[in-house]
Amino acid sequence: MIMLKGLGDVGNLMKLQKEMKNMQKKLKKFRMDGASSDGTVKVTVNGEFSLLSVSIDEAGDAKKLEKMVLEAVNDAVEKMKQYSASEMAKLTGGMNIPGLG
């Protein structure tokens, strides 16, 4: 049996690629909640950063509510970015792999 030098690296990359696809599927199903600073608006995003739900606790000034919705969405998206990055870091052992970040 002839062993090609570097073939182990290819095998590891293929394994990593499969694990990355599994991680992407997991993240797609994951949900993250966010809220405005005053708690009047709550939102949920998925791992693809798509907005899934919006909940508004009180009716009030439309401009204020618009600001609170934006704040809540950005809060949820930022949390999801941090969660995704930490999950990917676990998978890659902290390596910076182009295209994954």
PDB file of N, CA and C in Angstrom:
ATOM      1  N   MET A   1       0.841  -1.172   0.000  1.00  0.00           N
ATOM      2  CA  MET A   1       0.000   0.000   0.000  1.00  0.00           C
ATOM      3  C   MET A   1       0.892   1.242   0.000  1.00  0.00           C
ATOM      4  N   ILE A   2       0.669   2.111  -0.932  1.00  0.00           N
ATOM      5  CA  ILE A   2       1.461   3.333  -1.051  1.00  0.00           C
ATOM      6  C   ILE A   2       0.688   4.473  -0.392  1.00  0.00           C
ATOM      7  N   MET A   3       1.371   5.175   0.492  1.00  0.00           N
ATOM      8  CA  MET A   3       0.753   6.296   1.179  1.00  0.00           C
ATOM      9  C   MET A   3       1.214   7.587   0.513  1.00  0.00           C
ATOM     10  N   LEU A   4       0.267   8.379   0.071  1.00  0.00           N
ATOM     11  CA  LEU A   4       0.608   9.660  -0.533  1.00  0.00           C
ATOM     12  C   LEU A   4       0.813  10.693   0.571  1.00  0.00           C
ATOM     13  N   LYS A   5       1.941  11.372   0.491  1.00  0.00           N
ATOM     14  CA  LYS A   5       2.241  12.393   1.494  1.00  0.00           C
ATOM     15  C   LYS A   5       1.185  13.504   1.425  1.00  0.00           C
ATOM     16  N   GLY A   6       0.658  13.858   2.571  1.00  0.00           N
ATOM     17  CA  GLY A   6      -0.336  14.925   2.624  1.00  0.00           C
ATOM     18  C   GLY A   6      -1.765  14.442   2.499  1.00  0.00           C
ATOM     19  N   LEU A   7      -1.971  13.156   2.212  1.00  0.00           N
ATOM     20  CA  LEU A   7      -3.326  12.642   2.054  1.00  0.00           C
ATOM     21  C   LEU A   7      -4.109  12.756   3.357  1.00  0.00           C
ATOM     22  N   GLY A   8      -3.416  12.609   4.460  1.00  0.00           N
ATOM     23  CA  GLY A   8      -4.071  12.772   5.762  1.00  0.00           C
ATOM     24  C   GLY A   8      -4.675  14.150   5.906  1.00  0.00           C
ATOM     25  N   ASP A   9      -3.983  15.157   5.404  1.00  0.00           N
ATOM     26  CA  ASP A   9      -4.505  16.516   5.455  1.00  0.00           C
ATOM     27  C   ASP A   9      -5.785  16.642   4.640  1.00  0.00           C
ATOM     28  N   VAL A  10      -5.832  15.997   3.481  1.00  0.00           N
ATOM     29  CA  VAL A  10      -7.025  16.030   2.637  1.00  0.00           C
ATOM     30  C   VAL A  10      -8.184  15.368   3.372  1.00  0.00           C
ATOM     31  N   GLY A  11      -7.895  14.245   4.023  1.00  0.00           N
ATOM     32  CA  GLY A  11      -8.928  13.564   4.797  1.00  0.00           C
ATOM     33  C   GLY A  11      -9.453  14.429   5.922  1.00  0.00           C
ATOM     34  N   ASN A  12      -8.552  15.141   6.592  1.00  0.00           N
ATOM     35  CA  ASN A  12      -8.973  16.033   7.665  1.00  0.00           C
ATOM     36  C   ASN A  12      -9.818  17.186   7.131  1.00  0.00           C
ATOM     37  N   LEU A  13      -9.447  17.701   5.965  1.00  0.00           N
ATOM     38  CA  LEU A  13     -10.226  18.789   5.363  1.00  0.00           C
ATOM     39  C   LEU A  13     -11.614  18.312   4.965  1.00  0.00           C
ATOM     40  N   MET A  14     -11.692  17.082   4.435  1.00  0.00           N
ATOM     41  CA  MET A  14     -12.995  16.538   4.053  1.00  0.00           C
ATOM     42  C   MET A  14     -13.865  16.340   5.297  1.00  0.00           C
ATOM     43  N   LYS A  15     -13.260  15.878   6.374  1.00  0.00           N
ATOM     44  CA  LYS A  15     -13.989  15.695   7.628  1.00  0.00           C
ATOM     45  C   LYS A  15     -14.466  17.048   8.153  1.00  0.00           C
ATOM     46  N   LEU A  16     -13.584  18.042   8.108  1.00  0.00           N
ATOM     47  CA  LEU A  16     -13.943  19.379   8.556  1.00  0.00           C
ATOM     48  C   LEU A  16     -15.080  19.944   7.716  1.00  0.00           C
ATOM     49  N   GLN A  17     -15.037  19.715   6.405  1.00  0.00           N
ATOM     50  CA  GLN A  17     -16.089  20.207   5.521  1.00  0.00           C
ATOM     51  C   GLN A  17     -17.432  19.586   5.901  1.00  0.00           C
ATOM     52  N   LYS A  18     -17.442  18.296   6.183  1.00  0.00           N
ATOM     53  CA  LYS A  18     -18.677  17.616   6.582  1.00  0.00           C
ATOM     54  C   LYS A  18     -19.183  18.179   7.913  1.00  0.00           C
ATOM     55  N   GLU A  19     -18.270  18.375   8.850  1.00  0.00           N
ATOM     56  CA  GLU A  19     -18.655  18.937  10.148  1.00  0.00           C
ATOM     57  C   GLU A  19     -19.191  20.357   9.998  1.00  0.00           C
ATOM     58  N   MET A  20     -18.616  21.130   9.075  1.00  0.00           N
ATOM     59  CA  MET A  20     -19.080  22.494   8.833  1.00  0.00           C
ATOM     60  C   MET A  20     -20.511  22.476   8.290  1.00  0.00           C
ATOM     61  N   LYS A  21     -20.809  21.550   7.371  1.00  0.00           N
ATOM     62  CA  LYS A  21     -22.171  21.448   6.835  1.00  0.00           C
ATOM     63  C   LYS A  21     -23.153  21.092   7.941  1.00  0.00           C
ATOM     64  N   ASN A  22     -22.757  20.183   8.830  1.00  0.00           N
ATOM     65  CA  ASN A  22     -23.616  19.820   9.954  1.00  0.00           C
ATOM     66  C   ASN A  22     -23.836  21.013  10.877  1.00  0.00           C
ATOM     67  N   MET A  23     -22.765  21.792  11.104  1.00  0.00           N
ATOM     68  CA  MET A  23     -22.877  22.972  11.945  1.00  0.00           C
ATOM     69  C   MET A  23     -23.815  23.995  11.315  1.00  0.00           C
ATOM     70  N   GLN A  24     -23.723  24.175  10.002  1.00  0.00           N
ATOM     71  CA  GLN A  24     -24.603  25.125   9.318  1.00  0.00           C
ATOM     72  C   GLN A  24     -26.062  24.705   9.454  1.00  0.00           C
ATOM     73  N   LYS A  25     -26.333  23.392   9.352  1.00  0.00           N
ATOM     74  CA  LYS A  25     -27.703  22.900   9.536  1.00  0.00           C
ATOM     75  C   LYS A  25     -28.185  23.177  10.956  1.00  0.00           C
ATOM     76  N   LYS A  26     -27.303  22.953  11.929  1.00  0.00           N
ATOM     77  CA  LYS A  26     -27.646  23.203  13.328  1.00  0.00           C
ATOM     78  C   LYS A  26     -27.941  24.684  13.542  1.00  0.00           C
ATOM     79  N   LEU A  27     -27.074  25.545  13.006  1.00  0.00           N
ATOM     80  CA  LEU A  27     -27.259  26.987  13.183  1.00  0.00           C
ATOM     81  C   LEU A  27     -28.536  27.473  12.507  1.00  0.00           C
ATOM     82  N   LYS A  28     -28.882  26.879  11.377  1.00  0.00           N
ATOM     83  CA  LYS A  28     -30.094  27.285  10.658  1.00  0.00           C
ATOM     84  C   LYS A  28     -31.334  27.067  11.525  1.00  0.00           C
ATOM     85  N   LYS A  29     -31.316  26.016  12.335  1.00  0.00           N
ATOM     86  CA  LYS A  29     -32.457  25.699  13.199  1.00  0.00           C
ATOM     87  C   LYS A  29     -32.419  26.471  14.520  1.00  0.00           C
ATOM     88  N   PHE A  30     -31.264  27.013  14.876  1.00  0.00           N
ATOM     89  CA  PHE A  30     -31.103  27.694  16.159  1.00  0.00           C
ATOM     90  C   PHE A  30     -31.854  29.021  16.156  1.00  0.00           C
ATOM     91  N   ARG A  31     -32.389  29.400  17.289  1.00  0.00           N
ATOM     92  CA  ARG A  31     -33.120  30.654  17.436  1.00  0.00           C
ATOM     93  C   ARG A  31     -32.422  31.516  18.482  1.00  0.00           C
ATOM     94  N   MET A  32     -32.435  32.836  18.255  1.00  0.00           N
ATOM     95  CA  MET A  32     -31.849  33.765  19.216  1.00  0.00           C
ATOM     96  C   MET A  32     -32.833  34.918  19.408  1.00  0.00           C
ATOM     97  N   ASP A  33     -33.091  35.257  20.675  1.00  0.00           N
ATOM     98  CA  ASP A  33     -33.987  36.360  21.003  1.00  0.00           C
ATOM     99  C   ASP A  33     -33.191  37.626  21.238  1.00  0.00           C
ATOM    100  N   GLY A  34     -33.808  38.741  20.939  1.00  0.00           N
ATOM    101  CA  GLY A  34     -33.228  40.046  21.216  1.00  0.00           C
ATOM    102  C   GLY A  34     -34.328  40.967  21.716  1.00  0.00           C
ATOM    103  N   ALA A  35     -33.932  42.031  22.383  1.00  0.00           N
ATOM    104  CA  ALA A  35     -34.917  42.966  22.930  1.00  0.00           C
ATOM    105  C   ALA A  35     -34.381  44.383  22.885  1.00  0.00           C
ATOM    106  N   SER A  36     -35.322  45.315  22.826  1.00  0.00           N
ATOM    107  CA  SER A  36     -34.939  46.721  22.914  1.00  0.00           C
ATOM    108  C   SER A  36     -34.516  47.013  24.347  1.00  0.00           C
ATOM    109  N   SER A  37     -33.820  48.113  24.534  1.00  0.00           N
ATOM    110  CA  SER A  37     -33.293  48.443  25.864  1.00  0.00           C
ATOM    111  C   SER A  37     -34.399  48.628  26.896  1.00  0.00           C
ATOM    112  N   ASP A  38     -35.567  49.078  26.463  1.00  0.00           N
ATOM    113  CA  ASP A  38     -36.662  49.280  27.418  1.00  0.00           C
ATOM    114  C   ASP A  38     -37.601  48.077  27.505  1.00  0.00           C
ATOM    115  N   GLY A  39     -37.318  47.023  26.723  1.00  0.00           N
ATOM    116  CA  GLY A  39     -38.103  45.795  26.791  1.00  0.00           C
ATOM    117  C   GLY A  39     -39.443  45.831  26.089  1.00  0.00           C
ATOM    118  N   THR A  40     -39.756  46.921  25.405  1.00  0.00           N
ATOM    119  CA  THR A  40     -41.065  47.000  24.744  1.00  0.00           C
ATOM    120  C   THR A  40     -41.140  46.161  23.485  1.00  0.00           C
ATOM    121  N   VAL A  41     -39.988  45.894  22.869  1.00  0.00           N
ATOM    122  CA  VAL A  41     -39.960  45.123  21.631  1.00  0.00           C
ATOM    123  C   VAL A  41     -39.052  43.913  21.812  1.00  0.00           C
ATOM    124  N   LYS A  42     -39.571  42.742  21.426  1.00  0.00           N
ATOM    125  CA  LYS A  42     -38.792  41.507  21.464  1.00  0.00           C
ATOM    126  C   LYS A  42     -38.874  40.861  20.089  1.00  0.00           C
ATOM    127  N   VAL A  43     -37.741  40.315  19.644  1.00  0.00           N
ATOM    128  CA  VAL A  43     -37.688  39.676  18.333  1.00  0.00           C
ATOM    129  C   VAL A  43     -36.939  38.354  18.429  1.00  0.00           C
ATOM    130  N   THR A  44     -37.120  37.521  17.413  1.00  0.00           N
ATOM    131  CA  THR A  44     -36.386  36.268  17.305  1.00  0.00           C
ATOM    132  C   THR A  44     -35.829  36.159  15.900  1.00  0.00           C
ATOM    133  N   VAL A  45     -34.546  35.769  15.800  1.00  0.00           N
ATOM    134  CA  VAL A  45     -33.909  35.527  14.508  1.00  0.00           C
ATOM    135  C   VAL A  45     -33.408  34.086  14.489  1.00  0.00           C
ATOM    136  N   ASN A  46     -33.174  33.565  13.273  1.00  0.00           N
ATOM    137  CA  ASN A  46     -32.581  32.230  13.168  1.00  0.00           C
ATOM    138  C   ASN A  46     -31.106  32.365  12.821  1.00  0.00           C
ATOM    139  N   GLY A  47     -30.441  31.225  12.654  1.00  0.00           N
ATOM    140  CA  GLY A  47     -29.012  31.207  12.386  1.00  0.00           C
ATOM    141  C   GLY A  47     -28.616  31.786  11.045  1.00  0.00           C
ATOM    142  N   GLU A  48     -29.601  32.046  10.202  1.00  0.00           N
ATOM    143  CA  GLU A  48     -29.327  32.710   8.925  1.00  0.00           C
ATOM    144  C   GLU A  48     -29.609  34.199   9.030  1.00  0.00           C
ATOM    145  N   PHE A  49     -29.819  34.671  10.265  1.00  0.00           N
ATOM    146  CA  PHE A  49     -30.077  36.081  10.565  1.00  0.00           C
ATOM    147  C   PHE A  49     -31.388  36.575   9.964  1.00  0.00           C
ATOM    148  N   SER A  50     -32.348  35.662   9.753  1.00  0.00           N
ATOM    149  CA  SER A  50     -33.672  36.051   9.272  1.00  0.00           C
ATOM    150  C   SER A  50     -34.576  36.317  10.470  1.00  0.00           C
ATOM    151  N   LEU A  51     -35.335  37.378  10.381  1.00  0.00           N
ATOM    152  CA  LEU A  51     -36.262  37.747  11.437  1.00  0.00           C
ATOM    153  C   LEU A  51     -37.446  36.783  11.415  1.00  0.00           C
ATOM    154  N   LEU A  52     -37.724  36.141  12.546  1.00  0.00           N
ATOM    155  CA  LEU A  52     -38.797  35.155  12.630  1.00  0.00           C
ATOM    156  C   LEU A  52     -40.035  35.694  13.324  1.00  0.00           C
ATOM    157  N   SER A  53     -39.842  36.541  14.334  1.00  0.00           N
ATOM    158  CA  SER A  53     -41.004  37.072  15.044  1.00  0.00           C
ATOM    159  C   SER A  53     -40.686  38.423  15.665  1.00  0.00           C
ATOM    160  N   VAL A  54     -41.754  39.204  15.846  1.00  0.00           N
ATOM    161  CA  VAL A  54     -41.668  40.512  16.490  1.00  0.00           C
ATOM    162  C   VAL A  54     -42.814  40.581  17.499  1.00  0.00           C
ATOM    163  N   SER A  55     -42.521  41.002  18.711  1.00  0.00           N
ATOM    164  CA  SER A  55     -43.530  41.164  19.746  1.00  0.00           C
ATOM    165  C   SER A  55     -43.396  42.563  20.323  1.00  0.00           C
ATOM    166  N   ILE A  56     -44.498  43.316  20.327  1.00  0.00           N
ATOM    167  CA  ILE A  56     -44.490  44.678  20.864  1.00  0.00           C
ATOM    168  C   ILE A  56     -45.430  44.710  22.057  1.00  0.00           C
ATOM    169  N   ASP A  57     -44.888  45.054  23.226  1.00  0.00           N
ATOM    170  CA  ASP A  57     -45.651  45.013  24.472  1.00  0.00           C
ATOM    171  C   ASP A  57     -46.614  46.178  24.662  1.00  0.00           C
ATOM    172  N   GLU A  58     -46.337  47.293  24.068  1.00  0.00           N
ATOM    173  CA  GLU A  58     -47.222  48.444  24.286  1.00  0.00           C
ATOM    174  C   GLU A  58     -47.353  49.269  23.015  1.00  0.00           C
ATOM    175  N   ALA A  59     -48.511  49.827  22.838  1.00  0.00           N
ATOM    176  CA  ALA A  59     -48.719  50.743  21.716  1.00  0.00           C
ATOM    177  C   ALA A  59     -48.287  52.126  22.192  1.00  0.00           C
ATOM    178  N   GLY A  60     -47.645  52.847  21.313  1.00  0.00           N
ATOM    179  CA  GLY A  60     -47.175  54.170  21.709  1.00  0.00           C
ATOM    180  C   GLY A  60     -46.717  54.940  20.500  1.00  0.00           C
ATOM    181  N   ASP A  61     -45.788  55.805  20.730  1.00  0.00           N
ATOM    182  CA  ASP A  61     -45.221  56.642  19.696  1.00  0.00           C
ATOM    183  C   ASP A  61     -44.615  55.768  18.595  1.00  0.00           C
ATOM    184  N   ALA A  62     -45.090  55.940  17.369  1.00  0.00           N
ATOM    185  CA  ALA A  62     -44.634  55.112  16.242  1.00  0.00           C
ATOM    186  C   ALA A  62     -43.125  55.249  16.021  1.00  0.00           C
ATOM    187  N   LYS A  63     -42.600  56.445  16.104  1.00  0.00           N
ATOM    188  CA  LYS A  63     -41.157  56.650  15.896  1.00  0.00           C
ATOM    189  C   LYS A  63     -40.348  55.918  16.969  1.00  0.00           C
ATOM    190  N   LYS A  64     -40.814  55.973  18.193  1.00  0.00           N
ATOM    191  CA  LYS A  64     -40.125  55.277  19.279  1.00  0.00           C
ATOM    192  C   LYS A  64     -40.173  53.770  19.034  1.00  0.00           C
ATOM    193  N   LEU A  65     -41.344  53.266  18.634  1.00  0.00           N
ATOM    194  CA  LEU A  65     -41.474  51.830  18.374  1.00  0.00           C
ATOM    195  C   LEU A  65     -40.572  51.391  17.223  1.00  0.00           C
ATOM    196  N   GLU A  66     -40.480  52.201  16.172  1.00  0.00           N
ATOM    197  CA  GLU A  66     -39.589  51.881  15.056  1.00  0.00           C
ATOM    198  C   GLU A  66     -38.149  51.765  15.550  1.00  0.00           C
ATOM    199  N   LYS A  67     -37.744  52.696  16.386  1.00  0.00           N
ATOM    200  CA  LYS A  67     -36.385  52.669  16.938  1.00  0.00           C
ATOM    201  C   LYS A  67     -36.176  51.425  17.797  1.00  0.00           C
ATOM    202  N   MET A  68     -37.167  51.087  18.607  1.00  0.00           N
ATOM    203  CA  MET A  68     -37.059  49.926  19.487  1.00  0.00           C
ATOM    204  C   MET A  68     -37.017  48.623  18.679  1.00  0.00           C
ATOM    205  N   VAL A  69     -37.778  48.540  17.571  1.00  0.00           N
ATOM    206  CA  VAL A  69     -37.740  47.357  16.706  1.00  0.00           C
ATOM    207  C   VAL A  69     -36.347  47.192  16.119  1.00  0.00           C
ATOM    208  N   LEU A  70     -35.788  48.264  15.605  1.00  0.00           N
ATOM    209  CA  LEU A  70     -34.435  48.204  15.056  1.00  0.00           C
ATOM    210  C   LEU A  70     -33.434  47.770  16.119  1.00  0.00           C
ATOM    211  N   GLU A  71     -33.552  48.320  17.299  1.00  0.00           N
ATOM    212  CA  GLU A  71     -32.648  47.985  18.393  1.00  0.00           C
ATOM    213  C   GLU A  71     -32.755  46.492  18.758  1.00  0.00           C
ATOM    214  N   ALA A  72     -33.988  45.991  18.836  1.00  0.00           N
ATOM    215  CA  ALA A  72     -34.204  44.591  19.199  1.00  0.00           C
ATOM    216  C   ALA A  72     -33.676  43.647  18.126  1.00  0.00           C
ATOM    217  N   VAL A  73     -33.916  43.973  16.860  1.00  0.00           N
ATOM    218  CA  VAL A  73     -33.412  43.128  15.764  1.00  0.00           C
ATOM    219  C   VAL A  73     -31.892  43.117  15.772  1.00  0.00           C
ATOM    220  N   ASN A  74     -31.283  44.269  15.890  1.00  0.00           N
ATOM    221  CA  ASN A  74     -29.821  44.335  15.920  1.00  0.00           C
ATOM    222  C   ASN A  74     -29.252  43.583  17.117  1.00  0.00           C
ATOM    223  N   ASP A  75     -29.945  43.617  18.250  1.00  0.00           N
ATOM    224  CA  ASP A  75     -29.517  42.887  19.441  1.00  0.00           C
ATOM    225  C   ASP A  75     -29.524  41.379  19.166  1.00  0.00           C
ATOM    226  N   ALA A  76     -30.608  40.882  18.582  1.00  0.00           N
ATOM    227  CA  ALA A  76     -30.707  39.447  18.287  1.00  0.00           C
ATOM    228  C   ALA A  76     -29.675  39.022  17.252  1.00  0.00           C
ATOM    229  N   VAL A  77     -29.480  39.821  16.211  1.00  0.00           N
ATOM    230  CA  VAL A  77     -28.512  39.487  15.163  1.00  0.00           C
ATOM    231  C   VAL A  77     -27.099  39.463  15.742  1.00  0.00           C
ATOM    232  N   GLU A  78     -26.756  40.433  16.570  1.00  0.00           N
ATOM    233  CA  GLU A  78     -25.424  40.467  17.163  1.00  0.00           C
ATOM    234  C   GLU A  78     -25.190  39.248  18.047  1.00  0.00           C
ATOM    235  N   LYS A  79     -26.202  38.861  18.833  1.00  0.00           N
ATOM    236  CA  LYS A  79     -26.087  37.658  19.664  1.00  0.00           C
ATOM    237  C   LYS A  79     -25.898  36.415  18.803  1.00  0.00           C
ATOM    238  N   MET A  80     -26.634  36.342  17.683  1.00  0.00           N
ATOM    239  CA  MET A  80     -26.511  35.181  16.799  1.00  0.00           C
ATOM    240  C   MET A  80     -25.129  35.146  16.161  1.00  0.00           C
ATOM    241  N   LYS A  81     -24.594  36.298  15.769  1.00  0.00           N
ATOM    242  CA  LYS A  81     -23.245  36.350  15.200  1.00  0.00           C
ATOM    243  C   LYS A  81     -22.228  35.825  16.205  1.00  0.00           C
ATOM    244  N   GLN A  82     -22.349  36.257  17.455  1.00  0.00           N
ATOM    245  CA  GLN A  82     -21.419  35.816  18.490  1.00  0.00           C
ATOM    246  C   GLN A  82     -21.553  34.319  18.736  1.00  0.00           C
ATOM    247  N   TYR A  83     -22.787  33.826  18.775  1.00  0.00           N
ATOM    248  CA  TYR A  83     -23.015  32.394  18.984  1.00  0.00           C
ATOM    249  C   TYR A  83     -22.441  31.587  17.815  1.00  0.00           C
ATOM    250  N   SER A  84     -22.722  32.022  16.597  1.00  0.00           N
ATOM    251  CA  SER A  84     -22.211  31.330  15.407  1.00  0.00           C
ATOM    252  C   SER A  84     -20.692  31.291  15.407  1.00  0.00           C
ATOM    253  N   ALA A  85     -20.081  32.419  15.722  1.00  0.00           N
ATOM    254  CA  ALA A  85     -18.616  32.490  15.746  1.00  0.00           C
ATOM    255  C   ALA A  85     -18.042  31.553  16.804  1.00  0.00           C
ATOM    256  N   SER A  86     -18.680  31.485  17.972  1.00  0.00           N
ATOM    257  CA  SER A  86     -18.164  30.602  19.019  1.00  0.00           C
ATOM    258  C   SER A  86     -18.336  29.136  18.642  1.00  0.00           C
ATOM    259  N   GLU A  87     -19.443  28.795  17.982  1.00  0.00           N
ATOM    260  CA  GLU A  87     -19.651  27.413  17.543  1.00  0.00           C
ATOM    261  C   GLU A  87     -18.642  27.028  16.462  1.00  0.00           C
ATOM    262  N   MET A  88     -18.380  27.931  15.527  1.00  0.00           N
ATOM    263  CA  MET A  88     -17.400  27.663  14.469  1.00  0.00           C
ATOM    264  C   MET A  88     -15.993  27.553  15.060  1.00  0.00           C
ATOM    265  N   ALA A  89     -15.689  28.383  16.058  1.00  0.00           N
ATOM    266  CA  ALA A  89     -14.370  28.332  16.694  1.00  0.00           C
ATOM    267  C   ALA A  89     -14.154  26.982  17.378  1.00  0.00           C
ATOM    268  N   LYS A  90     -15.222  26.445  17.976  1.00  0.00           N
ATOM    269  CA  LYS A  90     -15.125  25.117  18.592  1.00  0.00           C
ATOM    270  C   LYS A  90     -14.774  24.074  17.532  1.00  0.00           C
ATOM    271  N   LEU A  91     -15.398  24.210  16.373  1.00  0.00           N
ATOM    272  CA  LEU A  91     -15.213  23.243  15.292  1.00  0.00           C
ATOM    273  C   LEU A  91     -13.832  23.338  14.673  1.00  0.00           C
ATOM    274  N   THR A  92     -13.334  24.554  14.489  1.00  0.00           N
ATOM    275  CA  THR A  92     -12.055  24.752  13.804  1.00  0.00           C
ATOM    276  C   THR A  92     -10.886  24.868  14.765  1.00  0.00           C
ATOM    277  N   GLY A  93     -11.167  24.787  16.045  1.00  0.00           N
ATOM    278  CA  GLY A  93     -10.096  24.917  17.026  1.00  0.00           C
ATOM    279  C   GLY A  93      -9.491  26.308  17.038  1.00  0.00           C
ATOM    280  N   GLY A  94     -10.279  27.303  16.649  1.00  0.00           N
ATOM    281  CA  GLY A  94      -9.813  28.679  16.657  1.00  0.00           C
ATOM    282  C   GLY A  94      -9.023  29.079  15.409  1.00  0.00           C
ATOM    283  N   MET A  95      -8.862  28.140  14.446  1.00  0.00           N
ATOM    284  CA  MET A  95      -8.138  28.482  13.216  1.00  0.00           C
ATOM    285  C   MET A  95      -8.966  29.476  12.414  1.00  0.00           C
ATOM    286  N   ASN A  96      -8.315  30.421  11.793  1.00  0.00           N
ATOM    287  CA  ASN A  96      -8.981  31.360  10.919  1.00  0.00           C
ATOM    288  C   ASN A  96      -8.993  30.777   9.523  1.00  0.00           C
ATOM    289  N   ILE A  97     -10.133  30.274   9.093  1.00  0.00           N
ATOM    290  CA  ILE A  97     -10.249  29.648   7.771  1.00  0.00           C
ATOM    291  C   ILE A  97     -11.008  30.593   6.859  1.00  0.00           C
ATOM    292  N   PRO A  98     -10.383  31.060   5.781  1.00  0.00           N
ATOM    293  CA  PRO A  98     -11.054  31.997   4.862  1.00  0.00           C
ATOM    294  C   PRO A  98     -12.382  31.436   4.368  1.00  0.00           C
ATOM    295  N   GLY A  99     -13.383  32.327   4.327  1.00  0.00           N
ATOM    296  CA  GLY A  99     -14.688  31.940   3.828  1.00  0.00           C
ATOM    297  C   GLY A  99     -15.616  31.383   4.886  1.00  0.00           C
ATOM    298  N   LEU A 100     -15.127  31.199   6.099  1.00  0.00           N
ATOM    299  CA  LEU A 100     -15.967  30.648   7.157  1.00  0.00           C
ATOM    300  C   LEU A 100     -16.351  31.682   8.178  1.00  0.00           C
ATOM    301  N   GLY A 101     -15.819  32.878   8.024  1.00  0.00           N
ATOM    302  CA  GLY A 101     -15.952  33.804   9.091  1.00  0.00           C
ATOM    303  C   GLY A 101     -16.965  34.820   9.050  1.00  0.00           C
TER     304      GLY A 101
END
